[in-house]
Amino acid sequence: MGHLCRICGRVRANEKFSGKGHKNHICKDCSKKPAYEIKRIDREEEIFGFLRQSNISKKNITRLNTLIKSDDSEISELASIVLEVAIVKPHKRKRLNFLRKENRELLAKLKSKNLIETDYW
């Protein structure tokens, strides 16, 4: 049984991880990527994780405000969209229904950036 690489998302054999790769869950192939790309993937996954939570807390909102100030324009744009969602409807229950009824342009932003996984139209 192998390990899951947190960057590429593949289950890889133990031999595909170096010593630090085991600890950090990054395979040898992904560890060859530039540091900024690995950091970008981590930040994107963090932002997607906020939407999967049952509640976007005040600490999460603070973190999103930090991510908005990121040098990477894509990360700051994703963070700003998720921050809008956190302000409008922080609880996950019936979030998409609420956005479909009350804030269709925010739902369209979520869809355009692939932040929602289902085709909810």
C-alpha atoms as a PDB file:
ATOM      1  CA  MET A   1       0.000   0.000   0.000  1.00  0.00           C
ATOM      2  CA  GLY A   2       1.436   3.342  -1.014  1.00  0.00           C
ATOM      3  CA  HIS A   3       1.014   6.930   0.068  1.00  0.00           C
ATOM      4  CA  LEU A   4      -1.147   9.707  -1.291  1.00  0.00           C
ATOM      5  CA  CYS A   5       0.751  12.645  -2.768  1.00  0.00           C
ATOM      6  CA  ARG A   6      -0.956  15.843  -1.655  1.00  0.00           C
ATOM      7  CA  ILE A   7       0.180  17.737  -4.743  1.00  0.00           C
ATOM      8  CA  CYS A   8      -0.777  15.443  -7.635  1.00  0.00           C
ATOM      9  CA  GLY A   9      -3.383  13.434  -5.697  1.00  0.00           C
ATOM     10  CA  ARG A  10      -2.054  10.057  -6.833  1.00  0.00           C
ATOM     11  CA  VAL A  11      -1.413   7.041  -4.642  1.00  0.00           C
ATOM     12  CA  ARG A  12       2.245   6.224  -5.189  1.00  0.00           C
ATOM     13  CA  ALA A  13       4.498   3.403  -4.027  1.00  0.00           C
ATOM     14  CA  ASN A  14       6.802   3.961  -1.044  1.00  0.00           C
ATOM     15  CA  GLU A  15       9.785   4.066  -3.393  1.00  0.00           C
ATOM     16  CA  LYS A  16       8.349   7.145  -5.103  1.00  0.00           C
ATOM     17  CA  PHE A  17       8.814   9.209  -1.919  1.00  0.00           C
ATOM     18  CA  SER A  18      12.070  10.498  -0.512  1.00  0.00           C
ATOM     19  CA  GLY A  19      12.690  10.883   3.230  1.00  0.00           C
ATOM     20  CA  LYS A  20      11.226  14.378   3.425  1.00  0.00           C
ATOM     21  CA  GLY A  21       8.609  13.400   0.857  1.00  0.00           C
ATOM     22  CA  HIS A  22       7.189  10.808   3.223  1.00  0.00           C
ATOM     23  CA  LYS A  23       6.835  13.394   5.956  1.00  0.00           C
ATOM     24  CA  ASN A  24       5.412  16.086   3.679  1.00  0.00           C
ATOM     25  CA  HIS A  25       3.387  13.675   1.488  1.00  0.00           C
ATOM     26  CA  ILE A  26       5.011  14.896  -1.718  1.00  0.00           C
ATOM     27  CA  CYS A  27       6.245  12.350  -4.270  1.00  0.00           C
ATOM     28  CA  LYS A  28       9.633  12.664  -5.968  1.00  0.00           C
ATOM     29  CA  ASP A  29       8.057  13.827  -9.227  1.00  0.00           C
ATOM     30  CA  CYS A  30       6.133  16.639  -7.537  1.00  0.00           C
ATOM     31  CA  SER A  31       9.087  17.655  -5.365  1.00  0.00           C
ATOM     32  CA  LYS A  32      10.917  18.548  -8.594  1.00  0.00           C
ATOM     33  CA  LYS A  33       8.301  21.211  -9.335  1.00  0.00           C
ATOM     34  CA  PRO A  34       9.167  24.816  -8.478  1.00  0.00           C
ATOM     35  CA  ALA A  35       8.386  25.893  -4.912  1.00  0.00           C
ATOM     36  CA  TYR A  36       5.942  28.587  -6.036  1.00  0.00           C
ATOM     37  CA  GLU A  37       3.881  26.005  -7.934  1.00  0.00           C
ATOM     38  CA  ILE A  38       3.688  23.688  -4.913  1.00  0.00           C
ATOM     39  CA  LYS A  39       2.710  26.661  -2.739  1.00  0.00           C
ATOM     40  CA  ARG A  40       0.029  27.670  -5.264  1.00  0.00           C
ATOM     41  CA  ILE A  41      -1.460  24.163  -5.283  1.00  0.00           C
ATOM     42  CA  ASP A  42      -1.517  24.154  -1.477  1.00  0.00           C
ATOM     43  CA  ARG A  43      -3.280  27.528  -1.366  1.00  0.00           C
ATOM     44  CA  GLU A  44      -5.869  26.434  -3.946  1.00  0.00           C
ATOM     45  CA  GLU A  45      -6.604  23.292  -1.953  1.00  0.00           C
ATOM     46  CA  GLU A  46      -6.930  25.388   1.201  1.00  0.00           C
ATOM     47  CA  ILE A  47      -9.496  27.638  -0.495  1.00  0.00           C
ATOM     48  CA  PHE A  48     -11.464  24.641  -1.829  1.00  0.00           C
ATOM     49  CA  GLY A  49     -11.386  23.221   1.698  1.00  0.00           C
ATOM     50  CA  PHE A  50     -13.141  26.291   3.087  1.00  0.00           C
ATOM     51  CA  LEU A  51     -16.125  25.619   0.825  1.00  0.00           C
ATOM     52  CA  ARG A  52     -16.261  21.957   1.887  1.00  0.00           C
ATOM     53  CA  GLN A  53     -16.498  22.870   5.579  1.00  0.00           C
ATOM     54  CA  SER A  54     -19.883  22.972   7.257  1.00  0.00           C
ATOM     55  CA  ASN A  55     -19.184  26.498   8.484  1.00  0.00           C
ATOM     56  CA  ILE A  56     -16.718  29.123   7.308  1.00  0.00           C
ATOM     57  CA  SER A  57     -15.554  30.506  10.649  1.00  0.00           C
ATOM     58  CA  LYS A  58     -14.181  33.923  11.589  1.00  0.00           C
ATOM     59  CA  LYS A  59     -10.663  32.475  11.602  1.00  0.00           C
ATOM     60  CA  ASN A  60     -11.262  31.192   8.070  1.00  0.00           C
ATOM     61  CA  ILE A  61     -12.448  34.652   7.032  1.00  0.00           C
ATOM     62  CA  THR A  62      -9.266  36.148   8.486  1.00  0.00           C
ATOM     63  CA  ARG A  63      -7.223  33.617   6.527  1.00  0.00           C
ATOM     64  CA  LEU A  64      -9.152  34.447   3.343  1.00  0.00           C
ATOM     65  CA  ASN A  65      -8.374  38.139   3.866  1.00  0.00           C
ATOM     66  CA  THR A  66      -4.694  37.169   4.062  1.00  0.00           C
ATOM     67  CA  LEU A  67      -4.957  35.091   0.885  1.00  0.00           C
ATOM     68  CA  ILE A  68      -6.606  37.980  -0.967  1.00  0.00           C
ATOM     69  CA  LYS A  69      -3.359  39.932  -0.505  1.00  0.00           C
ATOM     70  CA  SER A  70      -1.396  37.148  -2.223  1.00  0.00           C
ATOM     71  CA  ASP A  71       0.968  37.967  -5.089  1.00  0.00           C
ATOM     72  CA  ASP A  72      -0.681  35.298  -7.240  1.00  0.00           C
ATOM     73  CA  SER A  73      -3.702  36.900  -8.927  1.00  0.00           C
ATOM     74  CA  GLU A  74      -5.515  33.578  -9.355  1.00  0.00           C
ATOM     75  CA  ILE A  75      -5.253  32.788  -5.637  1.00  0.00           C
ATOM     76  CA  SER A  76      -6.401  36.259  -4.624  1.00  0.00           C
ATOM     77  CA  GLU A  77      -9.359  36.046  -7.000  1.00  0.00           C
ATOM     78  CA  LEU A  78     -10.425  32.628  -5.675  1.00  0.00           C
ATOM     79  CA  ALA A  79     -10.059  33.866  -2.100  1.00  0.00           C
ATOM     80  CA  SER A  80     -12.174  36.944  -2.799  1.00  0.00           C
ATOM     81  CA  ILE A  81     -14.982  34.836  -4.273  1.00  0.00           C
ATOM     82  CA  VAL A  82     -14.964  32.446  -1.301  1.00  0.00           C
ATOM     83  CA  LEU A  83     -14.879  35.447   1.065  1.00  0.00           C
ATOM     84  CA  GLU A  84     -18.025  36.784  -0.608  1.00  0.00           C
ATOM     85  CA  VAL A  85     -19.678  33.410  -0.051  1.00  0.00           C
ATOM     86  CA  ALA A  86     -18.533  33.422   3.587  1.00  0.00           C
ATOM     87  CA  ILE A  87     -20.107  36.808   4.152  1.00  0.00           C
ATOM     88  CA  VAL A  88     -23.379  35.985   2.378  1.00  0.00           C
ATOM     89  CA  LYS A  89     -23.904  32.391   3.577  1.00  0.00           C
ATOM     90  CA  PRO A  90     -21.188  30.998   5.891  1.00  0.00           C
ATOM     91  CA  HIS A  91     -23.082  27.781   6.665  1.00  0.00           C
ATOM     92  CA  LYS A  92     -22.928  25.023   4.076  1.00  0.00           C
ATOM     93  CA  ARG A  93     -26.457  23.732   4.528  1.00  0.00           C
ATOM     94  CA  LYS A  94     -28.592  24.832   1.576  1.00  0.00           C
ATOM     95  CA  ARG A  95     -25.859  27.279   0.509  1.00  0.00           C
ATOM     96  CA  LEU A  96     -26.244  26.599  -3.206  1.00  0.00           C
ATOM     97  CA  ASN A  97     -30.040  26.869  -3.041  1.00  0.00           C
ATOM     98  CA  PHE A  98     -29.714  30.184  -1.250  1.00  0.00           C
ATOM     99  CA  LEU A  99     -27.233  31.502  -3.802  1.00  0.00           C
ATOM    100  CA  ARG A 100     -29.380  30.290  -6.675  1.00  0.00           C
ATOM    101  CA  LYS A 101     -32.354  32.230  -5.296  1.00  0.00           C
ATOM    102  CA  GLU A 102     -30.693  35.294  -3.803  1.00  0.00           C
ATOM    103  CA  ASN A 103     -27.317  35.836  -5.471  1.00  0.00           C
ATOM    104  CA  ARG A 104     -27.072  34.284  -8.925  1.00  0.00           C
ATOM    105  CA  GLU A 105     -24.047  36.344  -9.975  1.00  0.00           C
ATOM    106  CA  LEU A 106     -22.019  34.946  -7.066  1.00  0.00           C
ATOM    107  CA  LEU A 107     -23.123  31.442  -8.042  1.00  0.00           C
ATOM    108  CA  ALA A 108     -21.989  32.185 -11.598  1.00  0.00           C
ATOM    109  CA  LYS A 109     -18.579  33.287 -10.277  1.00  0.00           C
ATOM    110  CA  LEU A 110     -18.299  30.026  -8.329  1.00  0.00           C
ATOM    111  CA  LYS A 111     -19.186  28.066 -11.435  1.00  0.00           C
ATOM    112  CA  SER A 112     -16.783  29.970 -13.695  1.00  0.00           C
ATOM    113  CA  LYS A 113     -13.849  29.292 -11.345  1.00  0.00           C
ATOM    114  CA  ASN A 114     -14.904  25.640 -10.852  1.00  0.00           C
ATOM    115  CA  LEU A 115     -15.351  26.149  -7.129  1.00  0.00           C
ATOM    116  CA  ILE A 116     -18.550  24.119  -7.133  1.00  0.00           C
ATOM    117  CA  GLU A 117     -18.293  20.547  -8.291  1.00  0.00           C
ATOM    118  CA  THR A 118     -21.866  19.896  -9.358  1.00  0.00           C
ATOM    119  CA  ASP A 119     -23.723  21.415 -12.248  1.00  0.00           C
ATOM    120  CA  TYR A 120     -26.202  23.283 -10.078  1.00  0.00           C
ATOM    121  CA  TRP A 121     -28.291  25.272 -12.490  1.00  0.00           C
END
